Each structure stands twice: as structure tokens, then as C-alpha cells.
Amino acid sequence: MQMLDIYPRYESNLVRRGLSCGFSLLELLVVLSLLALVTSLALPNLSKMYNSFSSALQMDEVVRQINGIGYQVHNQRQEYWFRDIVAKKAIQARSGIDVHLPEGWSLVVEKPFRYAENGACMGGFVRIFFEEELLQTVQLEAPFCQVNL
């Protein structure tokens, strides 16, 4: 009795001709070189994007510190004069108001202005610097003196 082949063997035309189904070394090298080229073009932009994101986060922290001065003054119930502030410096240590700026940041005030004991301020202009480069000049308007970017 002869067995019938229920599942016929399918062979591709390439195998019957003796050719392989894989990629050649040259094709792989071309793909890898294109991948390397695209990566080399994208990495500098990724680095710039990271630095921009980091700078934006630090700017948000500086704004948060400025906006929190009135609250601190209100809690301590004492008058406070807003003067120039530089990072990594004992900032108005005798007043008890803590303003901590990220490294490289500084605030320059055109004319010192006062926060009253209740946390209200008289208003003024503050210039925000990062590594001695002016980033923004903001006006703090009485009575709340909040930075709105």
C-alpha cells in the first residue's frame, strides 16, 4: 500500500534554485549605516531639547521662589525688603525669609521694594538672569507681587 502524501511539501522557488532567503552583508551594512546617520542627526537636537527642558524647569523654580516671598513674609509677620538675590549666597539671612535659587541664577532689582508684615508688597521690577544673561524682566504689581509668565 502506498501512502498518499496528505501534506505536500511546499518548497519556495528560491530554495529549489539553491538561493538563500536571508539578507546579504551589503544590505545589512547599508541599513546600519543609514541608522547611524539618522541617529547622528537626531542626538544633537535631543541634547538641545534636554537643556531647554532643564532651563524651563529651573525658571519655574525661580518664579515659584519669587511668588512665595509674600507668603513667607505673612507667616513671619515682619517687614521684608526685596533686594538683589544671587544663588548660593546667604539670602537675607537676618530676615528669616528663605529664597533658594538654582545654581547660576540671580535676581536683580532696579530699586529695592518693601513687603509689608501682612505679605502685601509695594511692587517693583525684577530682572531674572541665568549665568549673567538676562532672560526676562518682570513687573511685580502691588499688592500680591506674583510673576505671571
Protein backbone atom coordinates (compact mmCIF):
# COMPACT_ATOMS: atom_id res chain seq x y z
CA MET A 1 0.00 0.00 0.00
CA GLN A 2 1.30 3.31 -0.97
CA MET A 3 0.88 6.22 1.41
CA LEU A 4 -0.51 9.32 0.00
CA ASP A 5 1.16 12.49 0.91
CA ILE A 6 -1.58 14.41 2.66
CA TYR A 7 0.55 17.47 3.23
CA PRO A 8 2.50 18.14 0.09
CA ARG A 9 5.89 19.66 0.61
CA TYR A 10 6.00 23.21 -0.46
CA GLU A 11 9.35 24.47 -1.42
CA SER A 12 9.91 28.01 -2.44
CA ASN A 13 11.32 28.80 -5.83
CA LEU A 14 14.42 30.25 -4.16
CA VAL A 15 15.23 27.04 -2.31
CA ARG A 16 14.75 24.94 -5.46
CA ARG A 17 17.16 27.18 -7.29
CA GLY A 18 19.73 26.97 -4.49
CA LEU A 19 19.35 30.58 -3.34
CA SER A 20 19.07 31.58 0.32
CA CYS A 21 16.24 33.59 1.90
CA GLY A 22 18.42 35.87 4.12
CA PHE A 23 19.94 39.32 3.68
CA SER A 24 23.36 39.87 2.22
CA LEU A 25 26.14 41.52 4.20
CA LEU A 26 26.00 44.54 1.95
CA GLU A 27 22.28 45.05 2.61
CA LEU A 28 22.84 44.84 6.35
CA LEU A 29 25.71 47.33 6.18
CA VAL A 30 23.60 49.80 4.20
CA VAL A 31 20.77 49.60 6.73
CA LEU A 32 23.15 50.00 9.68
CA SER A 33 24.88 52.99 8.08
CA LEU A 34 21.52 54.68 7.43
CA LEU A 35 20.51 54.03 11.02
CA ALA A 36 23.79 55.54 12.25
CA LEU A 37 23.27 58.60 10.04
CA VAL A 38 19.76 59.23 11.35
CA THR A 39 20.95 58.78 14.93
CA SER A 40 23.83 61.23 14.46
CA LEU A 41 21.39 63.81 13.13
CA ALA A 42 18.91 63.35 15.98
CA LEU A 43 21.25 63.31 19.00
CA PRO A 44 22.30 66.99 18.95
CA ASN A 45 18.65 68.06 18.81
CA LEU A 46 17.85 65.72 21.68
CA SER A 47 20.62 67.31 23.75
CA LYS A 48 19.31 70.81 22.98
CA MET A 49 15.80 69.73 23.90
CA TYR A 50 17.03 68.34 27.24
CA ASN A 51 18.90 71.58 28.05
CA SER A 52 15.85 73.63 27.12
CA PHE A 53 13.62 71.48 29.31
CA SER A 54 16.05 71.73 32.21
CA SER A 55 16.25 75.51 31.85
CA ALA A 56 12.46 75.79 31.77
CA LEU A 57 12.17 73.74 34.98
CA GLN A 58 14.72 75.97 36.70
CA MET A 59 12.87 79.09 35.52
CA ASP A 60 9.67 77.65 37.02
CA GLU A 61 11.54 77.16 40.31
CA VAL A 62 12.77 80.79 40.26
CA VAL A 63 9.21 82.02 39.65
CA ARG A 64 7.92 79.79 42.46
CA GLN A 65 10.52 81.26 44.83
CA ILE A 66 9.57 84.84 43.92
CA ASN A 67 5.85 84.12 44.25
CA GLY A 68 6.39 82.56 47.68
CA ILE A 69 8.07 85.58 49.29
CA GLY A 70 4.77 87.25 50.22
CA TYR A 71 3.55 84.09 51.91
CA GLN A 72 6.76 83.77 53.94
CA VAL A 73 6.59 87.42 54.98
CA HIS A 74 2.95 86.97 56.04
CA ASN A 75 3.83 83.88 58.12
CA GLN A 76 6.73 85.61 59.87
CA ARG A 77 4.82 88.85 60.39
CA GLN A 78 7.82 91.05 59.68
CA GLU A 79 8.68 93.60 57.03
CA TYR A 80 10.97 92.49 54.20
CA TRP A 81 12.92 94.48 51.62
CA PHE A 82 13.37 92.70 48.29
CA ARG A 83 16.93 93.27 47.09
CA ASP A 84 19.26 91.58 44.61
CA ILE A 85 19.46 87.83 45.13
CA VAL A 86 22.22 85.54 43.86
CA ALA A 87 22.20 81.75 44.04
CA LYS A 88 24.38 80.05 46.67
CA LYS A 89 24.52 83.14 48.84
CA ALA A 90 23.17 83.65 52.33
CA ILE A 91 20.00 85.37 51.20
CA GLN A 92 18.63 87.92 53.61
CA ALA A 93 19.62 85.55 56.44
CA ARG A 94 18.80 88.03 59.18
CA SER A 95 15.25 88.46 57.88
CA GLY A 96 14.38 84.75 58.06
CA ILE A 97 12.95 84.76 54.53
CA ASP A 98 14.34 81.82 52.53
CA VAL A 99 14.78 82.24 48.80
CA HIS A 100 16.82 79.46 47.22
CA LEU A 101 17.65 79.91 43.56
CA PRO A 102 19.11 77.17 41.37
CA GLU A 103 22.83 77.45 40.71
CA GLY A 104 23.74 80.12 38.16
CA TRP A 105 20.52 82.12 38.59
CA SER A 106 20.24 85.62 40.04
CA LEU A 107 17.60 88.29 40.53
CA VAL A 108 18.44 91.95 40.13
CA VAL A 109 16.06 94.59 41.44
CA GLU A 110 16.08 98.05 39.86
CA LYS A 111 15.05 99.64 43.14
CA PRO A 112 14.50 97.68 46.39
CA PHE A 113 10.84 97.39 47.31
CA ARG A 114 9.09 96.50 50.52
CA TYR A 115 6.83 93.68 51.58
CA ALA A 116 4.58 94.69 54.48
CA GLU A 117 4.05 92.47 57.51
CA ASN A 118 0.78 91.19 56.04
CA GLY A 119 2.57 89.88 52.90
CA ALA A 120 1.46 92.65 50.56
CA CYS A 121 4.20 94.31 48.55
CA MET A 122 4.58 97.74 47.07
CA GLY A 123 5.55 96.46 43.61
CA GLY A 124 8.69 96.75 41.53
CA PHE A 125 10.71 95.39 38.64
CA VAL A 126 12.88 92.27 38.82
CA ARG A 127 15.35 91.15 36.17
CA ILE A 128 15.97 87.40 36.03
CA PHE A 129 19.48 86.33 34.97
CA PHE A 130 20.93 82.92 34.19
CA GLU A 131 24.72 82.80 34.07
CA GLU A 132 24.86 86.59 33.65
CA GLU A 133 22.49 86.57 30.67
CA LEU A 134 19.23 88.49 31.02
CA LEU A 135 16.32 86.14 30.42
CA GLN A 136 13.35 88.18 31.49
CA THR A 137 12.31 91.41 33.16
CA VAL A 138 9.10 91.09 35.16
CA GLN A 139 6.95 93.65 36.89
CA LEU A 140 5.65 92.67 40.29
CA GLU A 141 2.43 94.59 40.79
CA ALA A 142 1.09 95.52 44.20
CA PRO A 143 -0.37 94.08 46.34
CA PHE A 144 0.39 90.41 45.58
CA CYS A 145 3.61 90.72 43.54
CA GLN A 146 3.16 87.49 41.58
CA VAL A 147 5.15 86.64 38.45
CA ASN A 148 2.87 85.77 35.54
CA LEU A 149 4.77 84.38 32.56
